[in-house]
Amino acid sequence: MPQQVRGVVSMSKGAPTEVVTITLPDPGPRDVIVDIAACGVCHTDLAYREGGINDEYPFLLGHEAAGVVEQVGDEVTHVAVGDFVVLNWRAVCGQCRACKRGRPWYCFDTFNASVPMTLEDGTELTPALGIGAFADKTLVHEGQCTKVAPDADPAVVGLLGCGVMAGLGAAMNTGEVGRGDSVAVIGCGGVGDAAIAGARLAGATTIIAVDRDQRKLDWATDLGATHTIDGSQVDDVVAAIQELTDGNGADVVIDAVGRPETYETAFYARDLAGVVVLVGVPTPEMKLELPLVDFFSRGGALKSSWYGDCLPERDFPMLVDLYQQGRLPLEKFVTERIGLDDIESAFHKMEAGEVLRSVVLL
């Protein structure tokens, strides 16, 4: 039987979100209903509300979530009722050309639920990143559920569902940071600080945090940065990074902002044959212009990182284990715990740089 639950919906571009009643249909053959325990407030949710993703309103927001499987479709084999899961927005198909070439983190045909959730009047909802977890319960494809240790704090491990995984993976997977490497991270919000934590976990010895907000630099230090650069207080960030790396530049530079000027800084702040990783998301109108000879003469690699190039089934359980062992301080990303009615306030705090993550408890 269909269920009615509370959900946070964006009805039109720029309008404040609303807590409304939504309808969950019975799950399709490979669909799963998850009773949500916690969901982080991510900048992507604000981008949906502001029309920065597409115009397929109304949106059911929320996607960095953890919860318990409540109901499964007839053909579900991946999870069972009662499993504690972290949700992900890249349920790989296993059949596309990327999957068949052994690169499933680039899957071109990821799965979502087969039937839509709706408003009470039957209007179909577009769930954020195919999840829609600012709700008491949500409907997803079974492949969007990754089983993890059931005693883990859902407010903490749910953040692996998007931003924290994006940052950790930008360092560990895309950037392939290794023991003894030097790393610079430009932009020290949630994703950038996760990249710092990932670089530390991977064994980097010099980890440089770059931001214009001292509060964020303090967070970065707490999560593993060995040096900080306040971009508002230095004339040349590239020179400052080089000074901290024996005049060479960093082995890996991660741009967690996603603007032409920060990318240019990242490009020139890397060592010869160094790696640049773009994990900050640019807007469609942004352009980048650099001398082509500089691309040629500096060598190395320029990469973009989608979801930290992660494989949820491989990465989520491992990272949760490391968190529970005290080797990965994921709990430090949770700045506050809030309710469904507090999401608009959380958006404002996020824009003002006052939080790493607000997490909704349900």
Protein backbone atom coordinates (compact mmCIF):
# COMPACT_ATOMS: atom_id res chain seq x y z
CA MET A 1 0.00 0.00 0.00
CA PRO A 2 1.26 3.54 -0.77
CA GLN A 3 2.49 5.49 2.26
CA GLN A 4 2.24 9.16 3.12
CA VAL A 5 5.18 10.81 4.89
CA ARG A 6 6.70 14.27 5.44
CA GLY A 7 9.15 15.62 2.90
CA VAL A 8 10.96 18.89 2.12
CA VAL A 9 9.99 20.13 -1.32
CA SER A 10 11.13 23.01 -3.53
CA MET A 11 8.05 24.02 -5.50
CA SER A 12 9.53 26.75 -7.73
CA LYS A 13 12.80 28.50 -8.49
CA GLY A 14 14.19 30.41 -5.51
CA ALA A 15 11.09 29.91 -3.36
CA PRO A 16 11.60 28.81 0.26
CA THR A 17 11.32 25.08 0.77
CA GLU A 18 8.18 23.61 2.28
CA VAL A 19 7.56 20.61 4.52
CA VAL A 20 4.62 18.83 2.88
CA THR A 21 3.00 15.44 2.74
CA ILE A 22 4.35 13.21 -0.02
CA THR A 23 3.21 9.82 -1.25
CA LEU A 24 5.53 6.83 -1.58
CA PRO A 25 4.21 4.19 -3.98
CA ASP A 26 4.78 0.50 -3.51
CA PRO A 27 8.34 -0.31 -4.59
CA GLY A 28 8.99 -1.64 -8.08
CA PRO A 29 10.69 -5.03 -8.51
CA ARG A 30 14.20 -3.73 -7.71
CA ASP A 31 13.21 -0.72 -5.60
CA VAL A 32 13.65 -0.22 -1.86
CA ILE A 33 11.92 1.97 0.73
CA VAL A 34 14.38 3.33 3.29
CA ASP A 35 13.37 4.76 6.66
CA ILE A 36 15.69 7.79 6.83
CA ALA A 37 17.59 8.36 10.08
CA ALA A 38 19.70 11.37 9.06
CA CYS A 39 20.43 13.50 6.00
CA GLY A 40 23.09 16.18 5.50
CA VAL A 41 22.35 19.59 4.02
CA CYS A 42 24.53 19.85 0.90
CA HIS A 43 25.10 22.82 -1.41
CA THR A 44 23.66 20.72 -4.23
CA ASP A 45 20.26 20.86 -2.52
CA LEU A 46 20.44 24.65 -2.59
CA ALA A 47 21.45 24.49 -6.25
CA TYR A 48 18.29 22.48 -6.98
CA ARG A 49 16.15 25.05 -5.17
CA GLU A 50 17.79 27.89 -7.10
CA GLY A 51 17.35 26.22 -10.50
CA GLY A 52 21.05 25.52 -10.89
CA ILE A 53 20.56 21.84 -11.81
CA ASN A 54 17.45 21.82 -14.02
CA ASP A 55 13.88 23.12 -14.00
CA GLU A 56 12.06 19.86 -13.24
CA TYR A 57 10.14 21.23 -10.25
CA PRO A 58 8.89 20.25 -7.76
CA PHE A 59 12.04 18.79 -6.24
CA LEU A 60 12.16 16.49 -3.22
CA LEU A 61 15.45 17.62 -1.69
CA GLY A 62 18.11 15.79 0.33
CA HIS A 63 20.59 13.12 -0.70
CA GLU A 64 23.41 12.67 1.91
CA ALA A 65 21.55 10.10 3.94
CA ALA A 66 21.60 6.95 6.00
CA GLY A 67 18.74 4.82 7.24
CA VAL A 68 17.21 1.38 7.55
CA VAL A 69 15.67 -0.66 4.76
CA GLU A 70 11.94 -0.99 5.50
CA GLN A 71 10.50 -2.62 2.38
CA VAL A 72 11.93 -4.23 -0.76
CA GLY A 73 10.65 -5.12 -4.21
CA ASP A 74 10.09 -8.68 -5.37
CA GLU A 75 13.42 -8.97 -7.20
CA VAL A 76 15.69 -7.23 -4.70
CA THR A 77 18.73 -9.28 -3.69
CA HIS A 78 21.25 -6.58 -2.84
CA VAL A 79 19.83 -5.64 0.58
CA ALA A 80 17.24 -6.98 3.00
CA VAL A 81 14.68 -5.49 5.35
CA GLY A 82 16.45 -4.24 8.47
CA ASP A 83 19.80 -3.47 6.84
CA PHE A 84 21.44 -0.18 7.83
CA VAL A 85 22.52 1.57 4.63
CA VAL A 86 24.15 4.73 3.33
CA LEU A 87 22.48 6.00 0.16
CA ASN A 88 24.43 6.83 -2.97
CA TRP A 89 23.50 8.49 -6.24
CA ARG A 90 25.60 6.32 -8.54
CA ALA A 91 24.12 2.83 -8.65
CA VAL A 92 26.28 1.35 -11.38
CA CYS A 93 24.70 -0.75 -14.13
CA GLY A 94 27.53 -3.19 -14.79
CA GLN A 95 26.68 -3.27 -18.51
CA CYS A 96 27.68 0.07 -20.06
CA ARG A 97 31.01 0.59 -21.81
CA ALA A 98 32.60 2.19 -18.74
CA CYS A 99 31.58 -0.70 -16.48
CA LYS A 100 32.73 -3.31 -19.01
CA ARG A 101 36.11 -1.58 -19.31
CA GLY A 102 36.60 -1.88 -15.55
CA ARG A 103 35.83 1.76 -14.80
CA PRO A 104 32.42 1.56 -13.09
CA TRP A 105 32.96 4.88 -11.29
CA TYR A 106 32.30 6.43 -14.73
CA CYS A 107 29.08 4.42 -15.26
CA PHE A 108 26.96 6.00 -17.99
CA ASP A 109 23.64 4.37 -17.05
CA THR A 110 23.15 4.53 -13.29
CA PHE A 111 19.93 3.30 -11.70
CA ASN A 112 17.16 5.14 -9.86
CA ALA A 113 13.77 4.04 -8.53
CA SER A 114 11.43 2.76 -11.25
CA VAL A 115 8.29 4.51 -9.96
CA PRO A 116 7.94 8.18 -8.87
CA MET A 117 7.14 9.66 -5.51
CA THR A 118 4.40 12.31 -5.69
CA LEU A 119 2.64 15.14 -3.92
CA GLU A 120 -0.78 14.32 -2.48
CA ASP A 121 -2.46 15.52 -5.67
CA GLY A 122 -0.42 13.10 -7.79
CA THR A 123 2.16 15.61 -9.08
CA GLU A 124 5.39 13.71 -9.70
CA LEU A 125 8.42 14.77 -7.66
CA THR A 126 11.99 14.96 -8.92
CA PRO A 127 14.19 13.57 -6.13
CA ALA A 128 17.53 15.35 -5.66
CA LEU A 129 20.25 13.22 -7.27
CA GLY A 130 17.68 10.45 -7.58
CA ILE A 131 17.36 10.12 -3.79
CA GLY A 132 15.13 12.74 -2.10
CA ALA A 133 16.01 12.05 1.53
CA PHE A 134 14.75 15.14 3.37
CA ALA A 135 11.82 12.90 4.18
CA ASP A 136 10.75 10.39 6.80
CA LYS A 137 11.17 7.70 4.13
CA THR A 138 12.29 7.62 0.52
CA LEU A 139 12.18 5.26 -2.47
CA VAL A 140 15.40 4.33 -4.29
CA HIS A 141 16.85 1.58 -6.46
CA GLU A 142 18.47 -1.26 -4.51
CA GLY A 143 21.86 -0.35 -6.00
CA GLN A 144 21.63 3.05 -4.32
CA CYS A 145 21.87 1.35 -0.92
CA THR A 146 25.24 0.42 0.55
CA LYS A 147 25.17 -1.71 3.67
CA VAL A 148 27.54 -0.53 6.43
CA ALA A 149 28.16 -1.28 10.11
CA PRO A 150 24.77 -1.01 11.85
CA ASP A 151 26.14 0.64 14.99
CA ALA A 152 27.63 3.63 13.13
CA ASP A 153 26.16 7.09 13.79
CA PRO A 154 23.82 7.80 10.83
CA ALA A 155 24.37 11.57 11.11
CA VAL A 156 28.07 10.99 10.51
CA VAL A 157 28.25 8.16 7.98
CA GLY A 158 25.39 9.52 5.88
CA LEU A 159 27.73 12.31 4.77
CA LEU A 160 29.62 9.76 2.69
CA GLY A 161 26.61 9.89 0.40
CA CYS A 162 27.90 13.03 -1.33
CA GLY A 163 30.20 15.85 -0.22
CA VAL A 164 32.54 14.08 2.18
CA MET A 165 33.03 11.19 -0.24
CA ALA A 166 33.65 13.69 -3.05
CA GLY A 167 36.49 15.28 -1.10
CA LEU A 168 38.01 12.09 0.27
CA GLY A 169 37.89 10.51 -3.17
CA ALA A 170 39.35 13.57 -4.90
CA ALA A 171 42.50 13.01 -2.87
CA MET A 172 42.60 9.24 -2.49
CA ASN A 173 41.08 8.04 -5.78
CA THR A 174 41.36 10.78 -8.41
CA GLY A 175 44.53 12.45 -7.15
CA GLU A 176 46.09 9.16 -6.04
CA VAL A 177 47.85 10.90 -3.16
CA GLY A 178 50.62 8.68 -1.81
CA ARG A 179 52.93 8.42 1.15
CA GLY A 180 55.23 11.39 1.44
CA ASP A 181 53.38 13.53 -1.12
CA SER A 182 52.74 17.23 -0.78
CA VAL A 183 49.15 18.33 -1.29
CA ALA A 184 47.49 21.74 -1.51
CA VAL A 185 43.73 22.14 -1.20
CA ILE A 186 42.10 25.36 -2.37
CA GLY A 187 38.77 25.98 -0.65
CA CYS A 188 38.21 24.54 2.81
CA GLY A 189 34.49 23.96 3.09
CA GLY A 190 33.09 20.47 3.56
CA VAL A 191 34.51 19.02 0.34
CA GLY A 192 37.91 20.68 0.67
CA ASP A 193 38.30 19.62 4.28
CA ALA A 194 37.35 16.08 3.31
CA ALA A 195 40.12 16.19 0.70
CA ILE A 196 42.50 17.26 3.48
CA ALA A 197 41.36 14.35 5.65
CA GLY A 198 41.79 12.02 2.68
CA ALA A 199 45.30 13.30 1.97
CA ARG A 200 46.25 12.74 5.58
CA LEU A 201 44.79 9.22 5.53
CA ALA A 202 46.74 8.46 2.33
CA GLY A 203 50.03 9.43 3.96
CA ALA A 204 50.76 12.92 2.61
CA THR A 205 53.34 14.66 4.76
CA THR A 206 52.79 18.26 3.65
CA ILE A 207 49.11 19.28 3.46
CA ILE A 208 48.47 22.95 2.68
CA ALA A 209 45.02 24.46 3.22
CA VAL A 210 44.16 27.61 1.25
CA ASP A 211 41.11 29.76 2.01
CA ARG A 212 40.13 33.36 2.73
CA ASP A 213 38.24 32.54 5.95
CA GLN A 214 40.24 31.93 9.11
CA ARG A 215 37.44 29.84 10.60
CA LYS A 216 37.68 27.43 7.67
CA LEU A 217 41.44 27.30 7.96
CA ASP A 218 41.05 26.35 11.61
CA TRP A 219 38.70 23.51 10.60
CA ALA A 220 41.23 22.41 7.99
CA THR A 221 44.00 22.29 10.60
CA ASP A 222 41.81 20.20 12.87
CA LEU A 223 41.27 17.73 10.01
CA GLY A 224 44.92 17.32 9.08
CA ALA A 225 46.35 20.38 7.34
CA THR A 226 50.01 20.94 8.28
CA HIS A 227 50.11 24.48 6.87
CA THR A 228 47.54 27.16 6.08
CA ILE A 229 47.49 30.09 3.67
CA ASP A 230 44.99 32.91 4.11
CA GLY A 231 44.37 34.04 0.54
CA SER A 232 43.16 37.43 1.74
CA GLN A 233 46.49 38.13 3.42
CA VAL A 234 49.03 37.12 0.74
CA ASP A 235 49.70 38.69 -2.64
CA ASP A 236 50.63 35.47 -4.45
CA VAL A 237 49.11 32.16 -3.35
CA VAL A 238 51.18 30.22 -5.89
CA ALA A 239 54.40 31.62 -4.45
CA ALA A 240 53.19 30.86 -0.92
CA ILE A 241 52.54 27.21 -1.85
CA GLN A 242 55.93 26.95 -3.55
CA GLU A 243 57.63 28.37 -0.48
CA LEU A 244 56.13 25.55 1.61
CA THR A 245 57.26 22.89 -0.88
CA ASP A 246 60.97 23.68 -1.31
CA GLY A 247 60.20 26.06 -4.16
CA ASN A 248 58.72 23.30 -6.31
CA GLY A 249 54.95 23.40 -5.90
CA ALA A 250 52.75 20.59 -4.58
CA ASP A 251 52.59 17.07 -5.98
CA VAL A 252 48.79 17.26 -6.00
CA VAL A 253 46.67 20.42 -5.96
CA ILE A 254 42.93 20.06 -5.41
CA ASP A 255 40.56 22.85 -6.43
CA ALA A 256 37.50 22.50 -4.22
CA VAL A 257 36.05 25.87 -5.31
CA GLY A 258 35.58 25.44 -9.05
CA ARG A 259 36.22 28.92 -10.40
CA PRO A 260 38.59 29.94 -13.23
CA GLU A 261 40.84 31.91 -10.88
CA THR A 262 41.16 29.08 -8.35
CA TYR A 263 41.82 26.57 -11.11
CA GLU A 264 44.55 28.78 -12.56
CA THR A 265 46.11 29.00 -9.10
CA ALA A 266 45.96 25.20 -8.79
CA PHE A 267 47.52 24.77 -12.23
CA TYR A 268 50.55 26.92 -11.48
CA ALA A 269 50.90 25.80 -7.84
CA ARG A 270 51.68 22.19 -8.75
CA ASP A 271 55.15 20.78 -9.21
CA LEU A 272 56.39 19.83 -12.67
CA ALA A 273 54.52 16.68 -13.69
CA GLY A 274 52.18 17.30 -10.74
CA VAL A 275 48.45 16.61 -10.68
CA VAL A 276 45.53 19.06 -10.59
CA VAL A 277 42.16 17.74 -9.43
CA LEU A 278 39.01 19.78 -9.99
CA VAL A 279 36.28 18.74 -7.56
CA GLY A 280 34.58 22.12 -7.06
CA VAL A 281 31.65 22.45 -9.46
CA PRO A 282 31.83 25.34 -11.97
CA THR A 283 28.77 27.02 -13.44
CA PRO A 284 28.02 26.64 -17.16
CA GLU A 285 29.10 30.15 -18.16
CA MET A 286 32.60 29.93 -16.67
CA LYS A 287 35.55 29.95 -19.08
CA LEU A 288 39.22 29.12 -18.59
CA GLU A 289 42.04 30.57 -20.68
CA LEU A 290 45.67 29.50 -20.22
CA PRO A 291 48.67 29.49 -22.58
CA LEU A 292 48.73 26.16 -24.40
CA VAL A 293 52.50 25.98 -24.09
CA ASP A 294 52.10 25.89 -20.30
CA PHE A 295 49.91 22.80 -20.58
CA PHE A 296 52.59 21.19 -22.73
CA SER A 297 55.66 22.20 -20.77
CA ARG A 298 54.46 21.39 -17.27
CA GLY A 299 53.42 17.80 -17.98
CA GLY A 300 51.55 15.88 -15.32
CA ALA A 301 47.80 15.40 -15.30
CA LEU A 302 44.70 17.57 -15.15
CA LYS A 303 41.72 15.66 -13.77
CA SER A 304 38.15 16.29 -12.76
CA SER A 305 36.66 14.22 -9.94
CA TRP A 306 33.04 13.05 -10.11
CA TYR A 307 31.80 11.87 -6.71
CA GLY A 308 35.43 11.28 -5.76
CA ASP A 309 35.61 8.53 -8.42
CA CYS A 310 34.21 6.27 -5.73
CA LEU A 311 32.69 2.83 -5.80
CA PRO A 312 30.20 2.90 -2.90
CA GLU A 313 30.32 -0.86 -2.34
CA ARG A 314 34.09 -0.72 -2.05
CA ASP A 315 34.60 2.64 -0.35
CA PHE A 316 31.71 3.24 2.06
CA PRO A 317 32.21 0.17 4.30
CA MET A 318 35.98 0.73 4.37
CA LEU A 319 35.63 4.39 5.34
CA VAL A 320 33.03 3.61 7.99
CA ASP A 321 35.40 1.02 9.47
CA LEU A 322 38.23 3.58 9.53
CA TYR A 323 35.90 6.09 11.22
CA GLN A 324 34.89 3.56 13.88
CA GLN A 325 38.56 2.72 14.48
CA GLY A 326 39.27 6.40 15.16
CA ARG A 327 41.50 6.75 12.08
CA LEU A 328 39.16 8.99 10.06
CA PRO A 329 37.45 11.79 12.05
CA LEU A 330 34.20 11.95 10.08
CA GLU A 331 32.36 13.20 13.17
CA LYS A 332 34.17 16.54 12.87
CA PHE A 333 32.16 17.35 9.73
CA VAL A 334 28.88 17.45 11.67
CA THR A 335 28.55 21.04 12.87
CA GLU A 336 24.93 20.85 14.02
CA ARG A 337 21.97 18.48 14.16
CA ILE A 338 18.62 19.95 13.13
CA GLY A 339 15.04 19.09 12.22
CA LEU A 340 13.14 19.15 8.91
CA ASP A 341 11.80 22.62 9.63
CA ASP A 342 15.30 24.07 9.97
CA ILE A 343 16.57 23.51 6.41
CA GLU A 344 16.12 27.09 5.19
CA SER A 345 18.14 28.32 8.16
CA ALA A 346 20.77 25.68 7.37
CA PHE A 347 21.02 26.97 3.79
CA HIS A 348 21.77 30.46 5.11
CA LYS A 349 24.44 29.15 7.50
CA MET A 350 26.02 27.17 4.69
CA GLU A 351 26.16 30.20 2.40
CA ALA A 352 27.71 32.26 5.20
CA GLY A 353 30.40 29.62 5.81
CA GLU A 354 29.25 29.03 9.38
CA VAL A 355 29.02 25.24 9.16
CA LEU A 356 30.77 22.29 7.57
CA ARG A 357 27.54 20.32 7.61
CA SER A 358 24.13 20.72 9.15
CA VAL A 359 22.51 17.30 9.47
CA VAL A 360 18.77 16.69 9.63
CA LEU A 361 17.71 14.02 12.12
CA LEU A 362 14.47 12.15 11.42
